[in-house]
C-alpha atoms as a PDB file:
ATOM      1  CA  MET A   1      -7.009  20.138  -4.310  1.00  0.00           C
ATOM      2  CA  PRO A   2      -8.895  20.380  -1.002  1.00  0.00           C
ATOM      3  CA  LYS A   3      -7.108  21.198   2.213  1.00  0.00           C
ATOM      4  CA  LYS A   4      -6.668  18.243   4.535  1.00  0.00           C
ATOM      5  CA  GLY A   5      -8.123  20.034   7.561  1.00  0.00           C
ATOM      6  CA  GLY A   6      -4.908  21.212   9.153  1.00  0.00           C
ATOM      7  CA  GLY A   7      -4.920  24.652   7.586  1.00  0.00           C
ATOM      8  CA  PHE A   8      -2.413  24.127   4.770  1.00  0.00           C
ATOM      9  CA  LYS A   9      -2.675  22.223   1.500  1.00  0.00           C
ATOM     10  CA  GLY A  10       0.789  20.800   2.012  1.00  0.00           C
ATOM     11  CA  MET A  11       4.313  21.369   3.236  1.00  0.00           C
ATOM     12  CA  PHE A  12       7.729  21.782   1.669  1.00  0.00           C
ATOM     13  CA  ILE A  13      10.614  20.754   3.902  1.00  0.00           C
ATOM     14  CA  PHE A  14      14.247  21.853   3.763  1.00  0.00           C
ATOM     15  CA  GLY A  15      17.241  21.312   6.014  1.00  0.00           C
ATOM     16  CA  SER A  16      19.530  18.705   7.496  1.00  0.00           C
ATOM     17  CA  SER A  17      19.269  15.227   9.036  1.00  0.00           C
ATOM     18  CA  VAL A  18      16.739  16.666  11.475  1.00  0.00           C
ATOM     19  CA  VAL A  19      14.181  16.326   8.655  1.00  0.00           C
ATOM     20  CA  ASP A  20      15.863  14.117   6.004  1.00  0.00           C
ATOM     21  CA  ASN A  21      13.516  11.251   5.092  1.00  0.00           C
ATOM     22  CA  GLY A  22      15.677   9.409   2.604  1.00  0.00           C
ATOM     23  CA  ASN A  23      17.267  11.922   0.247  1.00  0.00           C
ATOM     24  CA  ASN A  24      20.756  10.810   1.300  1.00  0.00           C
ATOM     25  CA  ASN A  25      20.028   7.122   0.719  1.00  0.00           C
ATOM     26  CA  ASN A  26      21.404   7.144  -2.802  1.00  0.00           C
ATOM     27  CA  VAL A  27      23.827  10.063  -2.558  1.00  0.00           C
ATOM     28  CA  PHE A  28      27.196   8.759  -3.668  1.00  0.00           C
ATOM     29  CA  GLY A  29      30.181   9.778  -1.580  1.00  0.00           C
ATOM     30  CA  THR A  30      28.642  10.564   1.800  1.00  0.00           C
ATOM     31  CA  ILE A  31      28.813   8.796   5.134  1.00  0.00           C
ATOM     32  CA  ALA A  32      25.701  10.692   6.310  1.00  0.00           C
ATOM     33  CA  LYS A  33      23.214   7.908   5.672  1.00  0.00           C
ATOM     34  CA  ALA A  34      20.531   6.223   7.732  1.00  0.00           C
ATOM     35  CA  ASN A  35      19.375   3.572   5.267  1.00  0.00           C
ATOM     36  CA  TYR A  36      20.108   0.613   7.530  1.00  0.00           C
ATOM     37  CA  LEU A  37      18.927  -0.823  10.809  1.00  0.00           C
ATOM     38  CA  LEU A  38      18.929   0.279  13.577  1.00  0.00           C
ATOM     39  CA  TYR A  39      17.534   3.439  11.944  1.00  0.00           C
ATOM     40  CA  GLY A  40      13.821   3.076  11.394  1.00  0.00           C
ATOM     41  CA  ILE A  41      13.488   0.237  13.877  1.00  0.00           C
ATOM     42  CA  ASP A  42      10.220   1.720  15.165  1.00  0.00           C
ATOM     43  CA  PHE A  43       8.966   3.122  11.859  1.00  0.00           C
ATOM     44  CA  ARG A  44       6.014   1.115  10.592  1.00  0.00           C
ATOM     45  CA  ILE A  45       4.480   1.131   7.119  1.00  0.00           C
ATOM     46  CA  ASP A  46       1.650  -1.366   6.632  1.00  0.00           C
ATOM     47  CA  GLY A  47       2.656  -2.992   9.905  1.00  0.00           C
ATOM     48  CA  ALA A  48       6.244  -3.685   8.860  1.00  0.00           C
ATOM     49  CA  THR A  49       9.479  -2.094  10.059  1.00  0.00           C
ATOM     50  CA  LYS A  50      10.721   0.292   7.403  1.00  0.00           C
ATOM     51  CA  THR A  51      14.227   1.691   7.177  1.00  0.00           C
ATOM     52  CA  THR A  52      13.393   4.966   5.465  1.00  0.00           C
ATOM     53  CA  GLY A  53      16.579   6.993   5.716  1.00  0.00           C
ATOM     54  CA  ARG A  54      15.371   8.995   8.693  1.00  0.00           C
ATOM     55  CA  PHE A  55      18.077   9.632  11.300  1.00  0.00           C
ATOM     56  CA  SER A  56      15.904   8.291  14.096  1.00  0.00           C
ATOM     57  CA  ASN A  57      14.345   5.130  15.438  1.00  0.00           C
ATOM     58  CA  GLY A  58      11.026   6.303  14.006  1.00  0.00           C
ATOM     59  CA  LYS A  59       9.399   9.518  12.869  1.00  0.00           C
ATOM     60  CA  ASN A  60      11.281  12.819  12.788  1.00  0.00           C
ATOM     61  CA  PHE A  61      10.210  16.382  13.540  1.00  0.00           C
ATOM     62  CA  ALA A  62       8.814  17.024  10.061  1.00  0.00           C
ATOM     63  CA  ASP A  63       6.692  13.869  10.189  1.00  0.00           C
ATOM     64  CA  PHE A  64       5.016  15.006  13.393  1.00  0.00           C
ATOM     65  CA  ILE A  65       4.396  18.492  12.026  1.00  0.00           C
ATOM     66  CA  GLY A  66       2.732  16.820   9.043  1.00  0.00           C
ATOM     67  CA  ASP A  67       0.584  14.791  11.435  1.00  0.00           C
ATOM     68  CA  TYR A  68      -0.578  17.955  13.200  1.00  0.00           C
ATOM     69  CA  LEU A  69      -1.467  19.481   9.839  1.00  0.00           C
ATOM     70  CA  LYS A  70      -3.362  16.281   8.897  1.00  0.00           C
ATOM     71  CA  LEU A  71      -1.145  15.680   5.881  1.00  0.00           C
ATOM     72  CA  PRO A  72      -0.076  12.323   4.455  1.00  0.00           C
ATOM     73  CA  LEU A  73       3.591  11.347   4.720  1.00  0.00           C
ATOM     74  CA  ILE A  74       5.533  13.823   2.594  1.00  0.00           C
ATOM     75  CA  PRO A  75       7.702  12.074  -0.038  1.00  0.00           C
ATOM     76  CA  SER A  76      11.417  12.681  -0.322  1.00  0.00           C
ATOM     77  CA  PHE A  77      12.661  14.646  -3.302  1.00  0.00           C
ATOM     78  CA  VAL A  78      14.603  11.605  -4.490  1.00  0.00           C
ATOM     79  CA  ASP A  79      11.440   9.509  -4.542  1.00  0.00           C
ATOM     80  CA  THR A  80       9.507  12.126  -6.490  1.00  0.00           C
ATOM     81  CA  GLN A  81      12.269  12.079  -9.093  1.00  0.00           C
ATOM     82  CA  THR A  82      12.524   8.305  -9.442  1.00  0.00           C
ATOM     83  CA  GLN A  83       9.110   6.906  -8.519  1.00  0.00           C
ATOM     84  CA  GLY A  84       6.723   9.629  -9.625  1.00  0.00           C
ATOM     85  CA  ASP A  85       5.207  10.063  -6.168  1.00  0.00           C
ATOM     86  CA  SER A  86       2.573  12.750  -5.858  1.00  0.00           C
ATOM     87  CA  ILE A  87       3.897  16.188  -4.975  1.00  0.00           C
ATOM     88  CA  LEU A  88       0.531  17.825  -4.351  1.00  0.00           C
ATOM     89  CA  TYR A  89       0.928  17.664  -0.564  1.00  0.00           C
ATOM     90  CA  GLY A  90       4.566  18.722  -0.654  1.00  0.00           C
ATOM     91  CA  VAL A  91       8.100  17.398  -0.950  1.00  0.00           C
ATOM     92  CA  ASN A  92      10.934  16.877   1.538  1.00  0.00           C
ATOM     93  CA  PHE A  93      14.314  18.131   0.284  1.00  0.00           C
ATOM     94  CA  GLY A  94      16.271  17.650   3.548  1.00  0.00           C
ATOM     95  CA  SER A  95      19.760  16.179   3.404  1.00  0.00           C
ATOM     96  CA  GLY A  96      21.747  14.790   6.331  1.00  0.00           C
ATOM     97  CA  GLY A  97      25.010  16.667   6.833  1.00  0.00           C
ATOM     98  CA  SER A  98      23.917  19.789   4.960  1.00  0.00           C
ATOM     99  CA  GLY A  99      24.059  23.347   6.200  1.00  0.00           C
ATOM    100  CA  ILE A 100      23.037  26.893   5.454  1.00  0.00           C
ATOM    101  CA  LEU A 101      26.555  27.435   4.115  1.00  0.00           C
ATOM    102  CA  ASP A 102      27.622  25.381   1.113  1.00  0.00           C
ATOM    103  CA  GLU A 103      30.861  24.342   2.799  1.00  0.00           C
ATOM    104  CA  SER A 104      29.221  23.024   5.970  1.00  0.00           C
ATOM    105  CA  GLY A 105      29.074  19.251   6.137  1.00  0.00           C
ATOM    106  CA  LEU A 106      31.689  18.563   3.510  1.00  0.00           C
ATOM    107  CA  VAL A 107      33.630  16.665   6.172  1.00  0.00           C
ATOM    108  CA  VAL A 108      31.083  13.832   5.787  1.00  0.00           C
ATOM    109  CA  GLY A 109      31.337  13.900   1.989  1.00  0.00           C
ATOM    110  CA  ARG A 110      28.747  14.820  -0.605  1.00  0.00           C
ATOM    111  CA  VAL A 111      25.675  16.502   0.844  1.00  0.00           C
ATOM    112  CA  ILE A 112      22.806  18.476  -0.667  1.00  0.00           C
ATOM    113  CA  SER A 113      23.305  21.980   0.731  1.00  0.00           C
ATOM    114  CA  LEU A 114      20.372  24.236   1.523  1.00  0.00           C
ATOM    115  CA  ASN A 115      21.120  26.297  -1.577  1.00  0.00           C
ATOM    116  CA  GLU A 116      21.032  23.160  -3.727  1.00  0.00           C
ATOM    117  CA  GLN A 117      17.788  22.082  -2.074  1.00  0.00           C
ATOM    118  CA  LEU A 118      16.222  25.408  -3.030  1.00  0.00           C
ATOM    119  CA  THR A 119      17.450  24.975  -6.583  1.00  0.00           C
ATOM    120  CA  ASN A 120      15.904  21.501  -6.742  1.00  0.00           C
ATOM    121  CA  PHE A 121      12.621  22.989  -5.536  1.00  0.00           C
ATOM    122  CA  GLU A 122      12.672  25.891  -7.972  1.00  0.00           C
ATOM    123  CA  ALA A 123      13.961  24.127 -11.072  1.00  0.00           C
ATOM    124  CA  LEU A 124      12.457  20.650 -10.793  1.00  0.00           C
ATOM    125  CA  THR A 125       9.551  20.436  -8.328  1.00  0.00           C
ATOM    126  CA  LEU A 126       7.842  23.793  -8.763  1.00  0.00           C
ATOM    127  CA  PRO A 127       7.263  23.501 -12.547  1.00  0.00           C
ATOM    128  CA  LYS A 128       5.699  20.063 -11.969  1.00  0.00           C
ATOM    129  CA  LEU A 129       3.430  21.462  -9.265  1.00  0.00           C
ATOM    130  CA  GLU A 130       2.293  24.296 -11.528  1.00  0.00           C
ATOM    131  CA  SER A 131       1.559  21.794 -14.278  1.00  0.00           C
ATOM    132  CA  GLN A 132      -0.394  19.441 -12.008  1.00  0.00           C
ATOM    133  CA  LEU A 133      -2.488  22.184 -10.422  1.00  0.00           C
ATOM    134  CA  GLY A 134      -2.857  24.348 -13.520  1.00  0.00           C
ATOM    135  CA  CYS A 135      -1.968  27.497 -11.581  1.00  0.00           C
ATOM    136  CA  GLN A 136       0.984  29.836 -11.254  1.00  0.00           C
ATOM    137  CA  ARG A 137       3.387  29.456  -8.339  1.00  0.00           C
ATOM    138  CA  LYS A 138       2.373  32.697  -6.643  1.00  0.00           C
ATOM    139  CA  GLU A 139      -1.220  31.465  -6.546  1.00  0.00           C
ATOM    140  CA  ILE A 140      -0.226  28.051  -5.206  1.00  0.00           C
ATOM    141  CA  LEU A 141       2.516  28.537  -2.626  1.00  0.00           C
ATOM    142  CA  PRO A 142       0.726  30.815  -0.109  1.00  0.00           C
ATOM    143  CA  ASP A 143      -1.368  27.761   0.819  1.00  0.00           C
ATOM    144  CA  TYR A 144       1.703  25.688   1.753  1.00  0.00           C
ATOM    145  CA  LEU A 145       3.866  25.683   4.858  1.00  0.00           C
ATOM    146  CA  PHE A 146       7.624  25.967   4.361  1.00  0.00           C
ATOM    147  CA  LEU A 147       9.498  24.160   7.123  1.00  0.00           C
ATOM    148  CA  LEU A 148      13.226  24.853   7.386  1.00  0.00           C
ATOM    149  CA  ALA A 149      15.427  23.034   9.906  1.00  0.00           C
ATOM    150  CA  ALA A 150      18.925  24.268   9.145  1.00  0.00           C
ATOM    151  CA  GLY A 151      22.051  25.354  10.975  1.00  0.00           C
ATOM    152  CA  ASN A 152      22.974  22.329  13.100  1.00  0.00           C
ATOM    153  CA  ASN A 153      25.765  21.227  10.787  1.00  0.00           C
ATOM    154  CA  ASP A 154      27.028  24.761  10.300  1.00  0.00           C
ATOM    155  CA  TYR A 155      28.036  24.448  13.928  1.00  0.00           C
ATOM    156  CA  LEU A 156      28.659  20.737  14.498  1.00  0.00           C
ATOM    157  CA  LEU A 157      30.519  20.068  11.231  1.00  0.00           C
ATOM    158  CA  ASN A 158      31.949  23.520  10.587  1.00  0.00           C
ATOM    159  CA  TYR A 159      32.301  26.104  13.346  1.00  0.00           C
ATOM    160  CA  PHE A 160      33.016  23.689  16.217  1.00  0.00           C
ATOM    161  CA  LEU A 161      35.628  21.896  14.104  1.00  0.00           C
ATOM    162  CA  LEU A 162      37.693  24.791  12.761  1.00  0.00           C
ATOM    163  CA  GLY A 163      35.667  27.967  12.423  1.00  0.00           C
ATOM    164  CA  GLN A 164      36.031  29.088  16.028  1.00  0.00           C
ATOM    165  CA  LEU A 165      39.772  29.423  15.465  1.00  0.00           C
ATOM    166  CA  THR A 166      39.211  32.308  13.052  1.00  0.00           C
ATOM    167  CA  GLN A 167      35.776  33.810  13.838  1.00  0.00           C
ATOM    168  CA  SER A 168      33.967  34.983  16.930  1.00  0.00           C
ATOM    169  CA  PRO A 169      30.581  33.394  17.699  1.00  0.00           C
ATOM    170  CA  GLN A 170      28.885  36.691  16.891  1.00  0.00           C
ATOM    171  CA  ALA A 171      30.628  37.014  13.526  1.00  0.00           C
ATOM    172  CA  PHE A 172      29.864  33.436  12.520  1.00  0.00           C
ATOM    173  CA  ALA A 173      26.218  33.758  13.518  1.00  0.00           C
ATOM    174  CA  ALA A 174      25.977  36.961  11.493  1.00  0.00           C
ATOM    175  CA  LYS A 175      27.450  35.150   8.483  1.00  0.00           C
ATOM    176  CA  LEU A 176      24.873  32.395   8.823  1.00  0.00           C
ATOM    177  CA  ILE A 177      21.997  34.820   9.286  1.00  0.00           C
ATOM    178  CA  SER A 178      22.993  36.793   6.194  1.00  0.00           C
ATOM    179  CA  ALA A 179      22.985  33.647   4.064  1.00  0.00           C
ATOM    180  CA  TYR A 180      19.765  32.354   5.649  1.00  0.00           C
ATOM    181  CA  SER A 181      17.997  35.670   5.087  1.00  0.00           C
ATOM    182  CA  ALA A 182      18.846  35.529   1.384  1.00  0.00           C
ATOM    183  CA  GLN A 183      17.550  31.951   1.177  1.00  0.00           C
ATOM    184  CA  LEU A 184      14.256  32.855   2.839  1.00  0.00           C
ATOM    185  CA  LYS A 185      13.828  35.841   0.532  1.00  0.00           C
ATOM    186  CA  ARG A 186      14.479  33.548  -2.426  1.00  0.00           C
ATOM    187  CA  LEU A 187      11.586  31.334  -1.337  1.00  0.00           C
ATOM    188  CA  TYR A 188       9.404  34.376  -0.730  1.00  0.00           C
ATOM    189  CA  ASN A 189      10.090  35.665  -4.237  1.00  0.00           C
ATOM    190  CA  LEU A 190       8.926  32.305  -5.599  1.00  0.00           C
ATOM    191  CA  GLY A 191       5.640  32.702  -3.735  1.00  0.00           C
ATOM    192  CA  ALA A 192       6.224  31.200  -0.272  1.00  0.00           C
ATOM    193  CA  ARG A 193       4.526  33.103   2.535  1.00  0.00           C
ATOM    194  CA  ASN A 194       4.375  30.847   5.602  1.00  0.00           C
ATOM    195  CA  PHE A 195       7.626  29.794   7.264  1.00  0.00           C
ATOM    196  CA  LEU A 196       8.326  27.552  10.257  1.00  0.00           C
ATOM    197  CA  LEU A 197      11.991  27.872  11.239  1.00  0.00           C
ATOM    198  CA  LEU A 198      13.405  25.253  13.586  1.00  0.00           C
ATOM    199  CA  SER A 199      16.442  26.820  15.211  1.00  0.00           C
ATOM    200  CA  VAL A 200      19.691  25.001  15.983  1.00  0.00           C
ATOM    201  CA  TYR A 201      19.563  22.252  18.614  1.00  0.00           C
ATOM    202  CA  PRO A 202      21.511  22.485  21.910  1.00  0.00           C
ATOM    203  CA  LEU A 203      24.436  20.565  20.468  1.00  0.00           C
ATOM    204  CA  GLY A 204      26.303  20.902  23.748  1.00  0.00           C
ATOM    205  CA  CYS A 205      23.891  18.317  25.172  1.00  0.00           C
ATOM    206  CA  SER A 206      24.361  15.715  22.423  1.00  0.00           C
ATOM    207  CA  PRO A 207      26.419  12.623  23.274  1.00  0.00           C
ATOM    208  CA  VAL A 208      29.035  13.270  20.573  1.00  0.00           C
ATOM    209  CA  VAL A 209      29.802  16.701  22.069  1.00  0.00           C
ATOM    210  CA  SER A 210      29.060  16.273  25.777  1.00  0.00           C
ATOM    211  CA  LYS A 211      30.649  12.810  26.150  1.00  0.00           C
ATOM    212  CA  GLY A 212      28.140  12.058  28.898  1.00  0.00           C
ATOM    213  CA  GLN A 213      29.008  15.160  30.932  1.00  0.00           C
ATOM    214  CA  GLY A 214      25.546  16.687  30.648  1.00  0.00           C
ATOM    215  CA  CYS A 215      24.750  19.855  28.737  1.00  0.00           C
ATOM    216  CA  LEU A 216      27.890  21.887  28.139  1.00  0.00           C
ATOM    217  CA  PRO A 217      27.147  25.600  28.454  1.00  0.00           C
ATOM    218  CA  GLY A 218      29.917  26.750  26.095  1.00  0.00           C
ATOM    219  CA  PRO A 219      28.557  25.269  22.844  1.00  0.00           C
ATOM    220  CA  ASN A 220      24.958  26.017  23.811  1.00  0.00           C
ATOM    221  CA  ASP A 221      25.771  29.655  24.562  1.00  0.00           C
ATOM    222  CA  VAL A 222      27.303  29.949  21.086  1.00  0.00           C
ATOM    223  CA  ILE A 223      24.151  28.505  19.512  1.00  0.00           C
ATOM    224  CA  THR A 224      21.925  30.836  21.529  1.00  0.00           C
ATOM    225  CA  ILE A 225      23.685  33.734  19.790  1.00  0.00           C
ATOM    226  CA  PHE A 226      22.438  32.324  16.480  1.00  0.00           C
ATOM    227  CA  TYR A 227      18.892  32.068  17.849  1.00  0.00           C
ATOM    228  CA  ASP A 228      18.937  35.661  19.092  1.00  0.00           C
ATOM    229  CA  GLN A 229      20.169  36.905  15.716  1.00  0.00           C
ATOM    230  CA  LEU A 230      17.550  34.776  13.941  1.00  0.00           C
ATOM    231  CA  ILE A 231      14.770  36.453  15.928  1.00  0.00           C
ATOM    232  CA  SER A 232      16.220  39.866  15.072  1.00  0.00           C
ATOM    233  CA  MET A 233      16.450  38.952  11.394  1.00  0.00           C
ATOM    234  CA  VAL A 234      12.830  37.786  11.256  1.00  0.00           C
ATOM    235  CA  ASN A 235      11.651  40.979  12.928  1.00  0.00           C
ATOM    236  CA  GLN A 236      13.654  42.982  10.412  1.00  0.00           C
ATOM    237  CA  VAL A 237      12.691  41.197   7.190  1.00  0.00           C
ATOM    238  CA  LYS A 238       8.996  40.544   7.849  1.00  0.00           C
ATOM    239  CA  PRO A 239       7.943  44.156   7.187  1.00  0.00           C
ATOM    240  CA  GLN A 240       9.923  44.008   3.921  1.00  0.00           C
ATOM    241  CA  LEU A 241       8.003  40.913   2.766  1.00  0.00           C
ATOM    242  CA  PRO A 242       4.276  41.765   2.609  1.00  0.00           C
ATOM    243  CA  GLY A 243       1.984  38.893   3.549  1.00  0.00           C
ATOM    244  CA  SER A 244       4.757  36.788   5.069  1.00  0.00           C
ATOM    245  CA  ASN A 245       4.436  34.863   8.330  1.00  0.00           C
ATOM    246  CA  PHE A 246       7.391  33.515  10.301  1.00  0.00           C
ATOM    247  CA  ILE A 247       7.495  31.237  13.329  1.00  0.00           C
ATOM    248  CA  VAL A 248      10.823  30.531  15.046  1.00  0.00           C
ATOM    249  CA  ILE A 249      11.125  27.495  17.322  1.00  0.00           C
ATOM    250  CA  ASN A 250      13.706  27.808  20.100  1.00  0.00           C
ATOM    251  CA  SER A 251      15.141  24.286  20.131  1.00  0.00           C
ATOM    252  CA  VAL A 252      17.792  25.143  22.731  1.00  0.00           C
ATOM    253  CA  LYS A 253      15.229  26.151  25.341  1.00  0.00           C
ATOM    254  CA  ILE A 254      12.723  23.406  24.599  1.00  0.00           C
ATOM    255  CA  ILE A 255      15.204  20.534  24.560  1.00  0.00           C
ATOM    256  CA  THR A 256      17.257  21.701  27.559  1.00  0.00           C
ATOM    257  CA  ASP A 257      14.022  22.183  29.540  1.00  0.00           C
ATOM    258  CA  ILE A 258      13.041  18.605  28.666  1.00  0.00           C
ATOM    259  CA  ILE A 259      16.471  17.350  29.751  1.00  0.00           C
ATOM    260  CA  ASN A 260      16.351  19.318  32.994  1.00  0.00           C
ATOM    261  CA  ASN A 261      12.858  18.023  33.832  1.00  0.00           C
ATOM    262  CA  ALA A 262      13.232  14.608  32.256  1.00  0.00           C
ATOM    263  CA  ASN A 263      11.807  12.390  34.985  1.00  0.00           C
ATOM    264  CA  SER A 264       8.596  14.368  35.290  1.00  0.00           C
ATOM    265  CA  ILE A 265       7.808  13.996  31.581  1.00  0.00           C
ATOM    266  CA  GLY A 266       8.821  10.398  30.985  1.00  0.00           C
ATOM    267  CA  PHE A 267      12.479  10.554  29.937  1.00  0.00           C
ATOM    268  CA  SER A 268      15.177   8.750  31.891  1.00  0.00           C
ATOM    269  CA  ASN A 269      18.307   8.671  29.672  1.00  0.00           C
ATOM    270  CA  VAL A 270      19.089  12.245  28.642  1.00  0.00           C
ATOM    271  CA  SER A 271      22.811  12.076  27.890  1.00  0.00           C
ATOM    272  CA  GLY A 272      23.721   8.778  26.260  1.00  0.00           C
ATOM    273  CA  PRO A 273      22.835   7.250  22.896  1.00  0.00           C
ATOM    274  CA  CYS A 274      20.201   4.558  22.647  1.00  0.00           C
ATOM    275  CA  CYS A 275      21.994   2.634  19.911  1.00  0.00           C
ATOM    276  CA  GLU A 276      25.502   1.228  19.776  1.00  0.00           C
ATOM    277  CA  ILE A 277      27.645   3.932  18.174  1.00  0.00           C
ATOM    278  CA  SER A 278      29.979   3.394  15.211  1.00  0.00           C
ATOM    279  CA  LEU A 279      33.596   4.506  15.179  1.00  0.00           C
ATOM    280  CA  ASN A 280      32.767   8.024  13.941  1.00  0.00           C
ATOM    281  CA  GLY A 281      30.938   8.704  17.197  1.00  0.00           C
ATOM    282  CA  LEU A 282      27.895  10.072  15.392  1.00  0.00           C
ATOM    283  CA  SER A 283      25.860   7.253  13.896  1.00  0.00           C
ATOM    284  CA  CYS A 284      24.449   3.891  14.907  1.00  0.00           C
ATOM    285  CA  LYS A 285      26.476   0.790  14.208  1.00  0.00           C
ATOM    286  CA  GLU A 286      24.708  -1.280  11.576  1.00  0.00           C
ATOM    287  CA  ASN A 287      22.699  -4.047  13.288  1.00  0.00           C
ATOM    288  CA  GLY A 288      24.346  -3.165  16.594  1.00  0.00           C
ATOM    289  CA  ASN A 289      22.800  -3.253  20.034  1.00  0.00           C
ATOM    290  CA  VAL A 290      19.933  -0.942  20.899  1.00  0.00           C
ATOM    291  CA  CYS A 291      18.174   0.004  24.127  1.00  0.00           C
ATOM    292  CA  GLU A 292      14.787  -1.596  24.747  1.00  0.00           C
ATOM    293  CA  ASP A 293      12.836   1.407  26.082  1.00  0.00           C
ATOM    294  CA  ARG A 294      13.480   3.903  23.316  1.00  0.00           C
ATOM    295  CA  ARG A 295      10.562   6.092  24.380  1.00  0.00           C
ATOM    296  CA  SER A 296      12.451   7.180  27.505  1.00  0.00           C
ATOM    297  CA  ASN A 297      15.613   8.217  25.650  1.00  0.00           C
ATOM    298  CA  VAL A 298      16.339  11.729  24.387  1.00  0.00           C
ATOM    299  CA  TYR A 299      19.056  10.696  21.910  1.00  0.00           C
ATOM    300  CA  PHE A 300      18.976   7.773  19.524  1.00  0.00           C
ATOM    301  CA  ASP A 301      22.566   8.024  18.246  1.00  0.00           C
ATOM    302  CA  GLY A 302      25.438  10.393  18.941  1.00  0.00           C
ATOM    303  CA  GLN A 303      23.585  13.495  17.814  1.00  0.00           C
ATOM    304  CA  HIS A 304      20.027  12.746  16.670  1.00  0.00           C
ATOM    305  CA  ASN A 305      16.778  12.707  18.610  1.00  0.00           C
ATOM    306  CA  THR A 306      14.628   9.718  19.320  1.00  0.00           C
ATOM    307  CA  GLU A 307      11.113   9.715  17.927  1.00  0.00           C
ATOM    308  CA  SER A 308       9.878  10.608  21.432  1.00  0.00           C
ATOM    309  CA  LEU A 309      11.907  13.801  21.628  1.00  0.00           C
ATOM    310  CA  SER A 310      10.950  14.831  18.092  1.00  0.00           C
ATOM    311  CA  ALA A 311       7.301  14.353  19.055  1.00  0.00           C
ATOM    312  CA  ALA A 312       7.734  16.562  22.115  1.00  0.00           C
ATOM    313  CA  LEU A 313       9.489  19.245  20.092  1.00  0.00           C
ATOM    314  CA  ALA A 314       6.779  19.210  17.422  1.00  0.00           C
ATOM    315  CA  THR A 315       4.082  19.475  20.076  1.00  0.00           C
ATOM    316  CA  LYS A 316       5.752  22.600  21.447  1.00  0.00           C
ATOM    317  CA  ALA A 317       5.964  24.056  17.930  1.00  0.00           C
ATOM    318  CA  TYR A 318       2.274  23.439  17.382  1.00  0.00           C
ATOM    319  CA  THR A 319       0.828  24.371  20.780  1.00  0.00           C
ATOM    320  CA  SER A 320       3.205  26.470  22.905  1.00  0.00           C
ATOM    321  CA  ARG A 321       2.017  29.950  23.809  1.00  0.00           C
ATOM    322  CA  ASP A 322       5.353  30.776  25.414  1.00  0.00           C
ATOM    323  CA  HIS A 323       7.025  33.287  23.083  1.00  0.00           C
ATOM    324  CA  SER A 324      10.445  32.093  24.250  1.00  0.00           C
ATOM    325  CA  GLU A 325       9.585  28.698  22.704  1.00  0.00           C
ATOM    326  CA  ALA A 326       7.471  29.563  19.638  1.00  0.00           C
ATOM    327  CA  TYR A 327       7.877  33.137  18.398  1.00  0.00           C
ATOM    328  CA  PRO A 328       5.738  35.141  17.821  1.00  0.00           C
ATOM    329  CA  ILE A 329       2.888  32.573  17.622  1.00  0.00           C
ATOM    330  CA  ASN A 330       2.606  28.808  17.434  1.00  0.00           C
ATOM    331  CA  LEU A 331       1.864  26.740  14.344  1.00  0.00           C
ATOM    332  CA  HIS A 332      -1.719  25.990  15.366  1.00  0.00           C
ATOM    333  CA  GLN A 333      -2.468  29.699  15.506  1.00  0.00           C
ATOM    334  CA  LEU A 334      -0.952  30.216  12.052  1.00  0.00           C
ATOM    335  CA  ALA A 335      -2.780  27.195  10.606  1.00  0.00           C
ATOM    336  CA  GLN A 336      -6.114  28.491  11.900  1.00  0.00           C
ATOM    337  CA  THR A 337      -5.769  31.540   9.666  1.00  0.00           C
ATOM    338  CA  HIS A 338      -5.645  29.232   6.623  1.00  0.00           C
ATOM    339  CA  LEU A 339      -8.709  27.105   7.308  1.00  0.00           C
END
């Protein structure tokens, strides 16, 4: 299979609603779904609006990373199981509500945790990929990017609900990092070598947390502790994993900088949701009202980005030479080494 010109043959995607592209559509027993309008109102396939299960008005972060790598739209894991979609360019395993920890997100019902996503990859997708390409996994996977966007729900739907009553921010971050490190090593042992890690968003700025009061420093300071420990973990494990490459994207800095300089870069509404919110305060009300100029909004619902913000975040991941945004290099630099 030839490379598409973006440096990698394909991309495997893991994480939460930040990257989910429909895996939760048919999950029984969860309220974390985006399979109805207004979600997907700006997503076009063959010229028609398509409600895809993305928690956005249009494309999400993973879609834009795929665009930069000149890849076709990556199918959801559910679709590859039921419709036989090609997996040669990768698979998206993301699940809205899921976390690094198995217990995170259970408040919204059944979710596909990061551990379960890795199991789906190892047990179901990887054998198919080996069969289709006629090669062993450790020959195949170094040519793929592994995008992980995990941790948001470990805070939003776990620590900020109850965990802070029993654990310090430092202790909880350390617990997450320990689990995350084991998950990354699991992928490495399967053959993965190139990792793009999207760190936790500044949840203190999201409408469901901030209630329109702007970015709250308390929650964002807690999340910054996770980012700092993530950088330390990557620096520690990389020498133990020969041939590995890690990029960490500092979502807190990038998104708060966008919010603080919104007018100069085309955003006007940085604190409120674009869509009419349902009673849970998180998601869009089905067929509710929606703002007209969605391109100038940071948030689409109570917690998720608009397509515009996801595009800006992906651009930073691909092009930023600021090590406090993309550490230690950007995705374009990594992709160039695989041309």
